[in-house]
């Protein structure tokens, strides 16, 4: 189960890197906002997505830790 958690972490990192690269090289029309504001919005989206993923992975990791501890404790009895 831990291997799945690490694979999910690697998957999310690759996905964020790929998505960030695509967003920065897409070529949005920056006439209205300006180039700096467009990059700031892209960074905001990437940071927000990263925070959501980090929260989910942390909760999943805590659950796995407690699940493994309970399973280990049940085996001792």
PDB file of N, CA and C in Angstrom:
ATOM      1  N   UNK A   1       0.821  -1.190   0.000  1.00  0.00           N
ATOM      2  CA  UNK A   1       0.000   0.000   0.000  1.00  0.00           C
ATOM      3  C   UNK A   1       0.871   1.262   0.000  1.00  0.00           C
ATOM      4  N   UNK A   2       2.010   1.184   0.703  1.00  0.00           N
ATOM      5  CA  UNK A   2       2.930   2.326   0.729  1.00  0.00           C
ATOM      6  C   UNK A   2       3.517   2.605  -0.657  1.00  0.00           C
ATOM      7  N   UNK A   3       3.787   1.542  -1.411  1.00  0.00           N
ATOM      8  CA  UNK A   3       4.339   1.733  -2.757  1.00  0.00           C
ATOM      9  C   UNK A   3       3.355   2.501  -3.627  1.00  0.00           C
ATOM     10  N   UNK A   4       2.066   2.206  -3.470  1.00  0.00           N
ATOM     11  CA  UNK A   4       1.038   2.917  -4.224  1.00  0.00           C
ATOM     12  C   UNK A   4       1.038   4.399  -3.860  1.00  0.00           C
ATOM     13  N   UNK A   5       1.236   4.694  -2.569  1.00  0.00           N
ATOM     14  CA  UNK A   5       1.274   6.076  -2.123  1.00  0.00           C
ATOM     15  C   UNK A   5       2.447   6.815  -2.759  1.00  0.00           C
ATOM     16  N   UNK A   6       3.629   6.175  -2.788  1.00  0.00           N
ATOM     17  CA  UNK A   6       4.796   6.810  -3.404  1.00  0.00           C
ATOM     18  C   UNK A   6       4.614   6.960  -4.907  1.00  0.00           C
ATOM     19  N   UNK A   7       4.028   5.975  -5.556  1.00  0.00           N
ATOM     20  CA  UNK A   7       3.761   6.084  -6.994  1.00  0.00           C
ATOM     21  C   UNK A   7       2.787   7.222  -7.278  1.00  0.00           C
ATOM     22  N   UNK A   8       1.791   7.390  -6.411  1.00  0.00           N
ATOM     23  CA  UNK A   8       0.851   8.500  -6.585  1.00  0.00           C
ATOM     24  C   UNK A   8       1.567   9.838  -6.436  1.00  0.00           C
ATOM     25  N   UNK A   9       2.494   9.938  -5.477  1.00  0.00           N
ATOM     26  CA  UNK A   9       3.268  11.174  -5.316  1.00  0.00           C
ATOM     27  C   UNK A   9       4.069  11.486  -6.574  1.00  0.00           C
ATOM     28  N   UNK A  10       4.730  10.485  -7.108  1.00  0.00           N
ATOM     29  CA  UNK A  10       5.523  10.674  -8.328  1.00  0.00           C
ATOM     30  C   UNK A  10       4.622  11.072  -9.491  1.00  0.00           C
ATOM     31  N   UNK A  11       3.460  10.423  -9.594  1.00  0.00           N
ATOM     32  CA  UNK A  11       2.496  10.750 -10.652  1.00  0.00           C
ATOM     33  C   UNK A  11       2.074  12.209 -10.563  1.00  0.00           C
ATOM     34  N   UNK A  12       1.725  12.697  -9.360  1.00  0.00           N
ATOM     35  CA  UNK A  12       1.276  14.075  -9.216  1.00  0.00           C
ATOM     36  C   UNK A  12       2.393  15.066  -9.533  1.00  0.00           C
ATOM     37  N   UNK A  13       3.609  14.749  -9.142  1.00  0.00           N
ATOM     38  CA  UNK A  13       4.732  15.642  -9.446  1.00  0.00           C
ATOM     39  C   UNK A  13       4.935  15.749 -10.953  1.00  0.00           C
ATOM     40  N   UNK A  14       4.899  14.610 -11.638  1.00  0.00           N
ATOM     41  CA  UNK A  14       5.059  14.618 -13.098  1.00  0.00           C
ATOM     42  C   UNK A  14       3.912  15.377 -13.751  1.00  0.00           C
ATOM     43  N   UNK A  15       2.684  15.159 -13.255  1.00  0.00           N
ATOM     44  CA  UNK A  15       1.518  15.836 -13.823  1.00  0.00           C
ATOM     45  C   UNK A  15       1.596  17.350 -13.647  1.00  0.00           C
ATOM     46  N   UNK A  16       2.015  17.802 -12.471  1.00  0.00           N
ATOM     47  CA  UNK A  16       2.151  19.246 -12.228  1.00  0.00           C
ATOM     48  C   UNK A  16       3.243  19.836 -13.114  1.00  0.00           C
ATOM     49  N   UNK A  17       4.365  19.139 -13.250  1.00  0.00           N
ATOM     50  CA  UNK A  17       5.446  19.641 -14.104  1.00  0.00           C
ATOM     51  C   UNK A  17       5.000  19.712 -15.562  1.00  0.00           C
ATOM     52  N   UNK A  18       4.329  18.669 -16.033  1.00  0.00           N
ATOM     53  CA  UNK A  18       3.859  18.644 -17.423  1.00  0.00           C
ATOM     54  C   UNK A  18       2.815  19.739 -17.654  1.00  0.00           C
ATOM     55  N   UNK A  19       1.855  19.839 -16.734  1.00  0.00           N
ATOM     56  CA  UNK A  19       0.813  20.858 -16.874  1.00  0.00           C
ATOM     57  C   UNK A  19       1.378  22.263 -16.809  1.00  0.00           C
ATOM     58  N   UNK A  20       2.339  22.478 -15.919  1.00  0.00           N
ATOM     59  CA  UNK A  20       2.967  23.794 -15.824  1.00  0.00           C
ATOM     60  C   UNK A  20       3.715  24.152 -17.091  1.00  0.00           C
ATOM     61  N   UNK A  21       4.437  23.189 -17.636  1.00  0.00           N
ATOM     62  CA  UNK A  21       5.136  23.430 -18.902  1.00  0.00           C
ATOM     63  C   UNK A  21       4.174  23.757 -20.028  1.00  0.00           C
ATOM     64  N   UNK A  22       3.070  23.019 -20.093  1.00  0.00           N
ATOM     65  CA  UNK A  22       2.066  23.281 -21.134  1.00  0.00           C
ATOM     66  C   UNK A  22       1.433  24.659 -20.959  1.00  0.00           C
ATOM     67  N   UNK A  23       1.121  25.022 -19.711  1.00  0.00           N
ATOM     68  CA  UNK A  23       0.503  26.324 -19.474  1.00  0.00           C
ATOM     69  C   UNK A  23       1.445  27.469 -19.835  1.00  0.00           C
ATOM     70  N   UNK A  24       2.730  27.333 -19.506  1.00  0.00           N
ATOM     71  CA  UNK A  24       3.672  28.410 -19.789  1.00  0.00           C
ATOM     72  C   UNK A  24       4.006  28.520 -21.270  1.00  0.00           C
ATOM     73  N   UNK A  25       3.885  27.450 -22.025  1.00  0.00           N
ATOM     74  CA  UNK A  25       4.241  27.499 -23.447  1.00  0.00           C
ATOM     75  C   UNK A  25       3.025  27.544 -24.369  1.00  0.00           C
ATOM     76  N   UNK A  26       1.827  27.628 -23.815  1.00  0.00           N
ATOM     77  CA  UNK A  26       0.613  27.589 -24.629  1.00  0.00           C
ATOM     78  C   UNK A  26       0.478  28.800 -25.535  1.00  0.00           C
ATOM     79  N   UNK A  27       0.823  29.958 -25.071  1.00  0.00           N
ATOM     80  CA  UNK A  27       0.731  31.162 -25.892  1.00  0.00           C
ATOM     81  C   UNK A  27      -0.622  31.846 -25.753  1.00  0.00           C
ATOM     82  N   UNK A  28      -1.001  32.145 -24.519  1.00  0.00           N
ATOM     83  CA  UNK A  28      -2.249  32.846 -24.271  1.00  0.00           C
ATOM     84  C   UNK A  28      -2.183  34.243 -24.865  1.00  0.00           C
ATOM     85  N   UNK A  29      -3.363  34.810 -25.148  1.00  0.00           N
ATOM     86  CA  UNK A  29      -3.428  36.196 -25.594  1.00  0.00           C
ATOM     87  C   UNK A  29      -3.250  37.073 -24.361  1.00  0.00           C
ATOM     88  N   UNK A  30      -2.104  37.682 -24.243  1.00  0.00           N
ATOM     89  CA  UNK A  30      -1.794  38.469 -23.048  1.00  0.00           C
ATOM     90  C   UNK A  30      -2.017  39.960 -23.265  1.00  0.00           C
ATOM     91  N   UNK A  31      -2.775  40.320 -24.285  1.00  0.00           N
ATOM     92  CA  UNK A  31      -2.979  41.735 -24.581  1.00  0.00           C
ATOM     93  C   UNK A  31      -3.749  42.439 -23.461  1.00  0.00           C
ATOM     94  N   UNK A  32      -4.760  41.780 -22.905  1.00  0.00           N
ATOM     95  CA  UNK A  32      -5.575  42.435 -21.881  1.00  0.00           C
ATOM     96  C   UNK A  32      -4.876  42.501 -20.527  1.00  0.00           C
ATOM     97  N   UNK A  33      -4.323  41.393 -20.079  1.00  0.00           N
ATOM     98  CA  UNK A  33      -3.733  41.339 -18.738  1.00  0.00           C
ATOM     99  C   UNK A  33      -2.280  41.773 -18.711  1.00  0.00           C
ATOM    100  N   UNK A  34      -1.588  41.516 -19.759  1.00  0.00           N
ATOM    101  CA  UNK A  34      -0.145  41.731 -19.763  1.00  0.00           C
ATOM    102  C   UNK A  34       0.550  40.422 -19.455  1.00  0.00           C
ATOM    103  N   UNK A  35       1.775  40.316 -19.876  1.00  0.00           N
ATOM    104  CA  UNK A  35       2.515  39.057 -19.744  1.00  0.00           C
ATOM    105  C   UNK A  35       2.772  38.686 -18.284  1.00  0.00           C
ATOM    106  N   UNK A  36       3.129  39.664 -17.461  1.00  0.00           N
ATOM    107  CA  UNK A  36       3.433  39.384 -16.057  1.00  0.00           C
ATOM    108  C   UNK A  36       2.207  38.882 -15.310  1.00  0.00           C
ATOM    109  N   UNK A  37       1.054  39.502 -15.534  1.00  0.00           N
ATOM    110  CA  UNK A  37      -0.175  39.079 -14.859  1.00  0.00           C
ATOM    111  C   UNK A  37      -0.587  37.686 -15.315  1.00  0.00           C
ATOM    112  N   UNK A  38      -0.399  37.376 -16.587  1.00  0.00           N
ATOM    113  CA  UNK A  38      -0.736  36.047 -17.084  1.00  0.00           C
ATOM    114  C   UNK A  38       0.129  34.986 -16.419  1.00  0.00           C
ATOM    115  N   UNK A  39       1.422  35.257 -16.291  1.00  0.00           N
ATOM    116  CA  UNK A  39       2.312  34.315 -15.613  1.00  0.00           C
ATOM    117  C   UNK A  39       1.946  34.185 -14.134  1.00  0.00           C
ATOM    118  N   UNK A  40       1.545  35.290 -13.518  1.00  0.00           N
ATOM    119  CA  UNK A  40       1.142  35.245 -12.110  1.00  0.00           C
ATOM    120  C   UNK A  40      -0.101  34.376 -11.942  1.00  0.00           C
ATOM    121  N   UNK A  41      -1.051  34.474 -12.860  1.00  0.00           N
ATOM    122  CA  UNK A  41      -2.255  33.640 -12.790  1.00  0.00           C
ATOM    123  C   UNK A  41      -1.922  32.165 -12.997  1.00  0.00           C
ATOM    124  N   UNK A  42      -1.023  31.882 -13.920  1.00  0.00           N
ATOM    125  CA  UNK A  42      -0.604  30.491 -14.145  1.00  0.00           C
ATOM    126  C   UNK A  42       0.056  29.942 -12.882  1.00  0.00           C
ATOM    127  N   UNK A  43       0.933  30.735 -12.272  1.00  0.00           N
ATOM    128  CA  UNK A  43       1.578  30.301 -11.026  1.00  0.00           C
ATOM    129  C   UNK A  43       0.559  30.093  -9.913  1.00  0.00           C
ATOM    130  N   UNK A  44      -0.451  30.962  -9.844  1.00  0.00           N
ATOM    131  CA  UNK A  44      -1.493  30.813  -8.833  1.00  0.00           C
ATOM    132  C   UNK A  44      -2.260  29.506  -9.020  1.00  0.00           C
ATOM    133  N   UNK A  45      -2.583  29.174 -10.263  1.00  0.00           N
ATOM    134  CA  UNK A  45      -3.277  27.916 -10.553  1.00  0.00           C
ATOM    135  C   UNK A  45      -2.404  26.728 -10.169  1.00  0.00           C
ATOM    136  N   UNK A  46      -1.129  26.766 -10.528  1.00  0.00           N
ATOM    137  CA  UNK A  46      -0.229  25.659 -10.197  1.00  0.00           C
ATOM    138  C   UNK A  46      -0.029  25.509  -8.690  1.00  0.00           C
ATOM    139  N   UNK A  47       0.106  26.618  -7.987  1.00  0.00           N
ATOM    140  CA  UNK A  47       0.271  26.553  -6.532  1.00  0.00           C
ATOM    141  C   UNK A  47      -0.998  26.021  -5.878  1.00  0.00           C
ATOM    142  N   UNK A  48      -2.161  26.467  -6.349  1.00  0.00           N
ATOM    143  CA  UNK A  48      -3.425  25.986  -5.787  1.00  0.00           C
ATOM    144  C   UNK A  48      -3.592  24.492  -6.010  1.00  0.00           C
ATOM    145  N   UNK A  49      -3.314  24.037  -7.218  1.00  0.00           N
ATOM    146  CA  UNK A  49      -3.420  22.604  -7.513  1.00  0.00           C
ATOM    147  C   UNK A  49      -2.428  21.813  -6.668  1.00  0.00           C
ATOM    148  N   UNK A  50      -1.229  22.338  -6.515  1.00  0.00           N
ATOM    149  CA  UNK A  50      -0.218  21.655  -5.699  1.00  0.00           C
ATOM    150  C   UNK A  50      -0.657  21.551  -4.241  1.00  0.00           C
ATOM    151  N   UNK A  51      -1.246  22.615  -3.712  1.00  0.00           N
ATOM    152  CA  UNK A  51      -1.703  22.585  -2.318  1.00  0.00           C
ATOM    153  C   UNK A  51      -2.811  21.556  -2.119  1.00  0.00           C
ATOM    154  N   UNK A  52      -3.752  21.483  -3.052  1.00  0.00           N
ATOM    155  CA  UNK A  52      -4.814  20.482  -2.948  1.00  0.00           C
ATOM    156  C   UNK A  52      -4.242  19.070  -2.973  1.00  0.00           C
ATOM    157  N   UNK A  53      -3.300  18.839  -3.857  1.00  0.00           N
ATOM    158  CA  UNK A  53      -2.677  17.513  -3.970  1.00  0.00           C
ATOM    159  C   UNK A  53      -1.892  17.184  -2.703  1.00  0.00           C
ATOM    160  N   UNK A  54      -1.149  18.160  -2.172  1.00  0.00           N
ATOM    161  CA  UNK A  54      -0.372  17.936  -0.951  1.00  0.00           C
ATOM    162  C   UNK A  54      -1.293  17.591   0.215  1.00  0.00           C
ATOM    163  N   UNK A  55      -2.421  18.318   0.335  1.00  0.00           N
ATOM    164  CA  UNK A  55      -3.361  18.024   1.417  1.00  0.00           C
ATOM    165  C   UNK A  55      -3.932  16.620   1.281  1.00  0.00           C
ATOM    166  N   UNK A  56      -4.303  16.245   0.075  1.00  0.00           N
ATOM    167  CA  UNK A  56      -4.863  14.912  -0.146  1.00  0.00           C
ATOM    168  C   UNK A  56      -3.835  13.829   0.159  1.00  0.00           C
ATOM    169  N   UNK A  57      -2.621  14.003  -0.342  1.00  0.00           N
ATOM    170  CA  UNK A  57      -1.582  12.998  -0.125  1.00  0.00           C
ATOM    171  C   UNK A  57      -1.209  12.900   1.356  1.00  0.00           C
ATOM    172  N   UNK A  58      -1.205  14.030   2.066  1.00  0.00           N
ATOM    173  CA  UNK A  58      -0.901  14.004   3.497  1.00  0.00           C
ATOM    174  C   UNK A  58      -1.986  13.250   4.261  1.00  0.00           C
ATOM    175  N   UNK A  59      -3.248  13.526   3.938  1.00  0.00           N
ATOM    176  CA  UNK A  59      -4.345  12.819   4.606  1.00  0.00           C
ATOM    177  C   UNK A  59      -4.279  11.327   4.304  1.00  0.00           C
ATOM    178  N   UNK A  60      -3.999  10.992   3.071  1.00  0.00           N
ATOM    179  CA  UNK A  60      -3.892   9.584   2.687  1.00  0.00           C
ATOM    180  C   UNK A  60      -2.715   8.921   3.409  1.00  0.00           C
ATOM    181  N   UNK A  61      -1.600   9.631   3.510  1.00  0.00           N
ATOM    182  CA  UNK A  61      -0.435   9.100   4.213  1.00  0.00           C
ATOM    183  C   UNK A  61      -0.711   8.872   5.692  1.00  0.00           C
ATOM    184  N   UNK A  62      -1.424   9.804   6.331  1.00  0.00           N
ATOM    185  CA  UNK A  62      -1.784   9.635   7.742  1.00  0.00           C
ATOM    186  C   UNK A  62      -2.711   8.439   7.904  1.00  0.00           C
ATOM    187  N   UNK A  63      -3.678   8.318   7.008  1.00  0.00           N
ATOM    188  CA  UNK A  63      -4.590   7.178   7.068  1.00  0.00           C
ATOM    189  C   UNK A  63      -3.826   5.866   6.903  1.00  0.00           C
ATOM    190  N   UNK A  64      -2.902   5.829   5.952  1.00  0.00           N
ATOM    191  CA  UNK A  64      -2.111   4.614   5.745  1.00  0.00           C
ATOM    192  C   UNK A  64      -1.275   4.276   6.975  1.00  0.00           C
ATOM    193  N   UNK A  65      -0.688   5.308   7.578  1.00  0.00           N
ATOM    194  CA  UNK A  65       0.132   5.080   8.769  1.00  0.00           C
ATOM    195  C   UNK A  65      -0.715   4.478   9.893  1.00  0.00           C
ATOM    196  N   UNK A  66      -1.895   5.058  10.125  1.00  0.00           N
ATOM    197  CA  UNK A  66      -2.780   4.537  11.170  1.00  0.00           C
ATOM    198  C   UNK A  66      -3.298   3.150  10.818  1.00  0.00           C
ATOM    199  N   UNK A  67      -3.591   2.924   9.551  1.00  0.00           N
ATOM    200  CA  UNK A  67      -4.074   1.614   9.101  1.00  0.00           C
ATOM    201  C   UNK A  67      -3.002   0.549   9.305  1.00  0.00           C
ATOM    202  N   UNK A  68      -1.762   0.875   8.929  1.00  0.00           N
ATOM    203  CA  UNK A  68      -0.655  -0.073   9.107  1.00  0.00           C
ATOM    204  C   UNK A  68      -0.390  -0.345  10.587  1.00  0.00           C
ATOM    205  N   UNK A  69      -0.468   0.709  11.413  1.00  0.00           N
ATOM    206  CA  UNK A  69      -0.233   0.546  12.841  1.00  0.00           C
ATOM    207  C   UNK A  69      -1.320  -0.349  13.457  1.00  0.00           C
ATOM    208  N   UNK A  70      -2.583  -0.130  13.055  1.00  0.00           N
ATOM    209  CA  UNK A  70      -3.689  -0.936  13.573  1.00  0.00           C
ATOM    210  C   UNK A  70      -3.551  -2.381  13.106  1.00  0.00           C
ATOM    211  N   UNK A  71      -3.182  -2.559  11.852  1.00  0.00           N
ATOM    212  CA  UNK A  71      -3.019  -3.906  11.307  1.00  0.00           C
ATOM    213  C   UNK A  71      -1.888  -4.637  12.036  1.00  0.00           C
ATOM    214  N   UNK A  72      -0.800  -3.920  12.297  1.00  0.00           N
ATOM    215  CA  UNK A  72       0.339  -4.505  13.009  1.00  0.00           C
ATOM    216  C   UNK A  72      -0.063  -4.855  14.446  1.00  0.00           C
ATOM    217  N   UNK A  73      -0.842  -3.981  15.072  1.00  0.00           N
ATOM    218  CA  UNK A  73      -1.299  -4.217  16.442  1.00  0.00           C
ATOM    219  C   UNK A  73      -2.241  -5.427  16.497  1.00  0.00           C
ATOM    220  N   UNK A  74      -3.131  -5.564  15.514  1.00  0.00           N
ATOM    221  CA  UNK A  74      -4.054  -6.699  15.471  1.00  0.00           C
ATOM    222  C   UNK A  74      -3.313  -8.019  15.304  1.00  0.00           C
ATOM    223  N   UNK A  75      -2.192  -7.994  14.610  1.00  0.00           N
ATOM    224  CA  UNK A  75      -1.417  -9.217  14.410  1.00  0.00           C
ATOM    225  C   UNK A  75      -0.722  -9.665  15.695  1.00  0.00           C
ATOM    226  N   UNK A  76      -0.412  -8.730  16.592  1.00  0.00           N
ATOM    227  CA  UNK A  76       0.258  -9.078  17.844  1.00  0.00           C
ATOM    228  C   UNK A  76      -0.682  -9.791  18.811  1.00  0.00           C
ATOM    229  N   UNK A  77      -1.945  -9.464  18.743  1.00  0.00           N
ATOM    230  CA  UNK A  77      -2.916 -10.016  19.705  1.00  0.00           C
ATOM    231  C   UNK A  77      -3.204 -11.462  19.446  1.00  0.00           C
TER     232      UNK A  77
END
